[in-house]
Amino acid sequence: MEWSKTCQDMREDDSERFSDIVSQLFDRTFIVRELWDARAQRMVANPSYRFVTRFLECLRTYLDFGGFDLQVDNDLGVVALYSRYGRNREPLDKVTTYFLMALRLLFIEKMEQAKMRQEPLVALSEVFNRLRVLDLTMGKLPVKAVEKTLASLRRLSIIELVDGDASDPESRWLIYPSIRILVPDERIHDALARIQSLEAAGAGEEEDL
C-alpha cells in the first residue's frame, strides 16, 4: 500500500491525533461511534470514531505494515482492530468470560424489548441473576474479581457505568454494540458449552479475547 497524499498532507494537530487513535486501538481494540456522557446523561458522538472514518485509508495503511487490519462496521457503529497473527488477543479470566456471555445474552433480550434503543441498559444484579441461571458461578463472586472484570470491559469499550457505584448490584450499565463483534451470535452457544465443559473439568483458567 502507498502512503496517500491525504496522509502526507496531514496537519500537525491531526498527526498528533493520529498517534492517539492508534494508541487507543491497541489499548482498547474497539472504538464506538457514540459514548455515554456522564455529565449530559445521554449518548454523544465520539470524536475518535469520526477521526477514524476521516483518515480510514491512512490508518489502514499504517496498521497494515504491522500486520493489523482495521474494520469499520457503520451499521453497528464500531471500529475494531484485528491482528493477522493473533497478537492483540487479551487473556480473560473466568469471571470476565462469564460476564461477557451473560452480557451478550442480556443484550439480545434488551434489544428485543426496546427495539428503538441501540444500547441496552442493564442492572448489575441482572448480570448476576443471569450467571446463576446459566449455572456459571459457584456461590458469591469475589468483589475484587467483579471490580476487575468491570474495569476491563469498560476499558475495551464493551460497557459503561450509567449510574450508581460500580460495586453496587443496583448500578446500571450500558452495553455498547461492540459486544456483538466480541461475542457474535454464532459463538454464543459454542462458548457457553465450552465454558461449562471447562468448569466441570476444573480446567482452563483463561480464555482468549
Protein backbone atom coordinates (compact mmCIF):
# COMPACT_ATOMS: atom_id res chain seq x y z
CA MET A 1 0.00 0.00 0.00
CA GLU A 2 1.16 3.51 -0.75
CA TRP A 3 1.05 6.37 1.71
CA SER A 4 -1.62 8.59 0.14
CA LYS A 5 -1.40 12.33 -0.41
CA THR A 6 -4.08 12.78 2.28
CA CYS A 7 -1.75 11.12 4.77
CA GLN A 8 1.28 13.06 3.58
CA ASP A 9 -0.54 16.40 3.87
CA MET A 10 -1.90 15.71 7.35
CA ARG A 11 -1.77 18.75 9.63
CA GLU A 12 0.36 18.66 12.77
CA ASP A 13 -2.63 18.51 15.10
CA ASP A 14 -4.15 15.71 13.02
CA SER A 15 -0.81 13.89 13.11
CA GLU A 16 -0.82 14.02 16.91
CA ARG A 17 -4.42 12.85 16.97
CA PHE A 18 -3.47 10.04 14.58
CA SER A 19 -0.92 8.74 17.10
CA ASP A 20 -3.50 8.95 19.89
CA ILE A 21 -6.05 6.97 17.86
CA VAL A 22 -3.51 4.24 17.13
CA SER A 23 -2.75 4.03 20.85
CA GLN A 24 -6.48 3.78 21.61
CA LEU A 25 -6.89 0.95 19.16
CA PHE A 26 -4.01 -1.05 20.61
CA ASP A 27 -5.22 -0.44 24.16
CA ARG A 28 -8.97 -0.90 23.66
CA THR A 29 -9.38 -2.87 20.41
CA PHE A 30 -12.74 -1.15 19.86
CA ILE A 31 -13.83 2.42 19.20
CA VAL A 32 -17.58 3.05 19.24
CA ARG A 33 -19.44 5.76 17.35
CA GLU A 34 -21.34 7.02 20.39
CA LEU A 35 -20.24 7.19 24.01
CA TRP A 36 -22.16 7.68 27.23
CA ASP A 37 -21.62 11.20 28.57
CA ALA A 38 -21.99 11.14 32.35
CA ARG A 39 -22.45 14.89 32.63
CA ALA A 40 -25.06 15.17 29.90
CA GLN A 41 -26.63 11.82 30.90
CA ARG A 42 -27.00 10.83 27.26
CA MET A 43 -25.16 9.35 24.32
CA VAL A 44 -22.85 11.73 22.43
CA ALA A 45 -20.83 11.41 19.24
CA ASN A 46 -17.35 10.01 19.77
CA PRO A 47 -14.76 12.26 18.05
CA SER A 48 -12.34 9.32 17.85
CA TYR A 49 -14.79 7.42 15.65
CA ARG A 50 -15.19 10.43 13.38
CA PHE A 51 -11.41 10.73 13.08
CA VAL A 52 -11.10 7.07 12.09
CA THR A 53 -13.67 7.44 9.32
CA ARG A 54 -11.98 10.64 8.13
CA PHE A 55 -8.50 9.11 7.96
CA LEU A 56 -9.51 5.48 7.44
CA GLU A 57 -7.23 4.94 4.44
CA CYS A 58 -4.21 6.35 6.31
CA LEU A 59 -4.89 4.29 9.43
CA ARG A 60 -5.38 1.09 7.44
CA THR A 61 -2.17 1.66 5.51
CA TYR A 62 -0.19 2.39 8.67
CA LEU A 63 -1.59 -0.58 10.59
CA ASP A 64 -1.19 -2.92 7.64
CA PHE A 65 2.60 -2.55 7.90
CA GLY A 66 2.38 -4.03 11.40
CA GLY A 67 0.14 -6.93 10.39
CA PHE A 68 -3.12 -5.41 11.64
CA ASP A 69 -6.48 -4.99 9.93
CA LEU A 70 -8.90 -2.20 10.78
CA GLN A 71 -12.56 -2.94 10.25
CA VAL A 72 -15.39 -0.43 10.40
CA ASP A 73 -18.98 -1.56 10.86
CA ASN A 74 -21.08 1.54 10.25
CA ASP A 75 -24.30 -0.38 10.90
CA LEU A 76 -23.19 -1.15 14.44
CA GLY A 77 -21.09 1.98 14.80
CA VAL A 78 -17.97 0.09 15.84
CA VAL A 79 -14.33 0.19 14.75
CA ALA A 80 -12.35 -2.95 15.55
CA LEU A 81 -8.65 -3.78 15.34
CA TYR A 82 -7.54 -7.28 14.38
CA SER A 83 -4.09 -8.82 14.25
CA ARG A 84 -3.50 -11.14 11.33
CA TYR A 85 -1.13 -13.06 13.64
CA GLY A 86 -3.35 -13.12 16.72
CA ARG A 87 -1.02 -10.88 18.69
CA ASN A 88 -3.57 -8.49 20.14
CA ARG A 89 -5.58 -11.18 21.90
CA GLU A 90 -6.08 -10.44 25.55
CA PRO A 91 -6.33 -13.30 28.04
CA LEU A 92 -9.51 -13.06 30.09
CA ASP A 93 -10.08 -14.78 33.40
CA LYS A 94 -13.13 -16.94 34.02
CA VAL A 95 -15.19 -14.23 35.70
CA THR A 96 -14.69 -11.84 32.76
CA THR A 97 -15.52 -14.57 30.26
CA TYR A 98 -18.67 -15.46 32.18
CA PHE A 99 -19.70 -11.80 32.34
CA LEU A 100 -19.31 -11.49 28.58
CA MET A 101 -21.63 -14.42 27.98
CA ALA A 102 -24.25 -13.04 30.38
CA LEU A 103 -23.98 -9.52 28.95
CA ARG A 104 -24.29 -10.80 25.37
CA LEU A 105 -27.49 -12.68 26.18
CA LEU A 106 -28.89 -9.69 28.07
CA PHE A 107 -28.03 -7.51 25.09
CA ILE A 108 -30.21 -9.70 22.87
CA GLU A 109 -33.09 -9.66 25.36
CA LYS A 110 -32.98 -5.91 25.93
CA MET A 111 -32.81 -5.18 22.21
CA GLU A 112 -35.94 -7.28 21.67
CA GLN A 113 -37.75 -5.46 24.49
CA ALA A 114 -36.79 -1.96 23.34
CA LYS A 115 -36.17 -2.03 19.62
CA MET A 116 -35.76 1.76 19.42
CA ARG A 117 -32.66 1.72 21.64
CA GLN A 118 -29.32 0.69 20.24
CA GLU A 119 -27.57 0.48 23.59
CA PRO A 120 -29.42 -1.62 26.18
CA LEU A 121 -29.21 -0.74 29.86
CA VAL A 122 -28.86 -3.47 32.49
CA ALA A 123 -28.54 -3.51 36.25
CA LEU A 124 -25.52 -5.34 37.64
CA SER A 125 -27.95 -7.52 39.59
CA GLU A 126 -29.41 -8.69 36.26
CA VAL A 127 -25.97 -9.90 35.20
CA PHE A 128 -25.57 -11.80 38.48
CA ASN A 129 -29.02 -13.36 38.04
CA ARG A 130 -28.20 -14.42 34.51
CA LEU A 131 -24.94 -16.01 35.68
CA ARG A 132 -26.88 -18.02 38.24
CA VAL A 133 -29.47 -19.09 35.68
CA LEU A 134 -26.68 -20.25 33.38
CA ASP A 135 -25.05 -22.02 36.32
CA LEU A 136 -21.77 -20.22 35.64
CA THR A 137 -20.99 -19.30 39.24
CA MET A 138 -20.41 -21.29 42.37
CA GLY A 139 -21.63 -19.11 45.21
CA LYS A 140 -20.98 -15.40 45.54
CA LEU A 141 -18.39 -13.86 43.24
CA PRO A 142 -15.43 -12.13 44.93
CA VAL A 143 -15.92 -8.35 44.94
CA LYS A 144 -12.39 -7.70 43.67
CA ALA A 145 -12.86 -10.12 40.78
CA VAL A 146 -16.07 -8.37 39.77
CA GLU A 147 -14.45 -4.93 40.01
CA LYS A 148 -11.52 -6.12 37.89
CA THR A 149 -13.91 -7.53 35.29
CA LEU A 150 -15.99 -4.36 35.07
CA ALA A 151 -12.86 -2.21 34.74
CA SER A 152 -11.52 -4.46 31.97
CA LEU A 153 -14.76 -4.37 29.99
CA ARG A 154 -15.05 -0.60 30.39
CA ARG A 155 -11.52 -0.16 29.04
CA LEU A 156 -12.40 -2.26 26.00
CA SER A 157 -15.49 -0.10 25.31
CA ILE A 158 -17.84 -3.02 25.93
CA ILE A 159 -19.81 -1.46 28.80
CA GLU A 160 -20.07 1.87 30.60
CA LEU A 161 -21.41 2.85 34.02
CA VAL A 162 -24.58 4.93 33.70
CA ASP A 163 -25.49 5.47 37.33
CA GLY A 164 -24.68 4.18 40.79
CA ASP A 165 -21.48 2.83 42.28
CA ALA A 166 -19.68 0.19 40.25
CA SER A 167 -19.76 -2.26 43.17
CA ASP A 168 -23.49 -1.77 43.81
CA PRO A 169 -25.70 -4.56 42.44
CA GLU A 170 -28.29 -1.94 41.52
CA SER A 171 -25.85 0.13 39.47
CA ARG A 172 -26.92 0.45 35.84
CA TRP A 173 -24.68 -0.25 32.88
CA LEU A 174 -24.90 0.49 29.19
CA ILE A 175 -23.84 -2.30 26.82
CA TYR A 176 -22.11 -1.00 23.71
CA PRO A 177 -22.75 -2.70 20.34
CA SER A 178 -19.08 -3.73 20.30
CA ILE A 179 -20.16 -6.79 22.29
CA ARG A 180 -21.79 -8.08 19.10
CA ILE A 181 -18.37 -8.22 17.47
CA LEU A 182 -16.57 -9.59 20.52
CA VAL A 183 -19.24 -12.28 21.05
CA PRO A 184 -21.07 -12.76 17.72
CA ASP A 185 -24.38 -14.61 17.61
CA GLU A 186 -22.93 -17.82 16.18
CA ARG A 187 -20.40 -18.10 19.01
CA ILE A 188 -22.74 -17.80 21.98
CA HIS A 189 -23.87 -21.40 22.22
CA ASP A 190 -20.43 -22.83 21.48
CA ALA A 191 -18.78 -20.52 24.00
CA LEU A 192 -21.26 -21.35 26.74
CA ALA A 193 -20.81 -25.07 26.10
CA ARG A 194 -17.02 -24.67 26.26
CA ILE A 195 -17.17 -22.66 29.49
CA GLN A 196 -19.42 -25.20 31.18
CA SER A 197 -17.19 -28.04 29.99
CA LEU A 198 -14.09 -26.33 31.40
CA GLU A 199 -15.89 -25.61 34.66
CA ALA A 200 -16.90 -29.25 35.01
CA ALA A 201 -13.35 -30.37 34.33
CA GLY A 202 -11.85 -27.77 36.66
CA ALA A 203 -9.52 -26.55 33.91
CA GLY A 204 -8.95 -23.56 31.70
CA GLU A 205 -8.33 -20.57 33.90
CA GLU A 206 -8.24 -18.17 30.96
CA GLU A 207 -9.96 -17.62 27.65
CA ASP A 208 -8.62 -15.53 24.78
CA LEU A 209 -10.42 -12.45 23.60
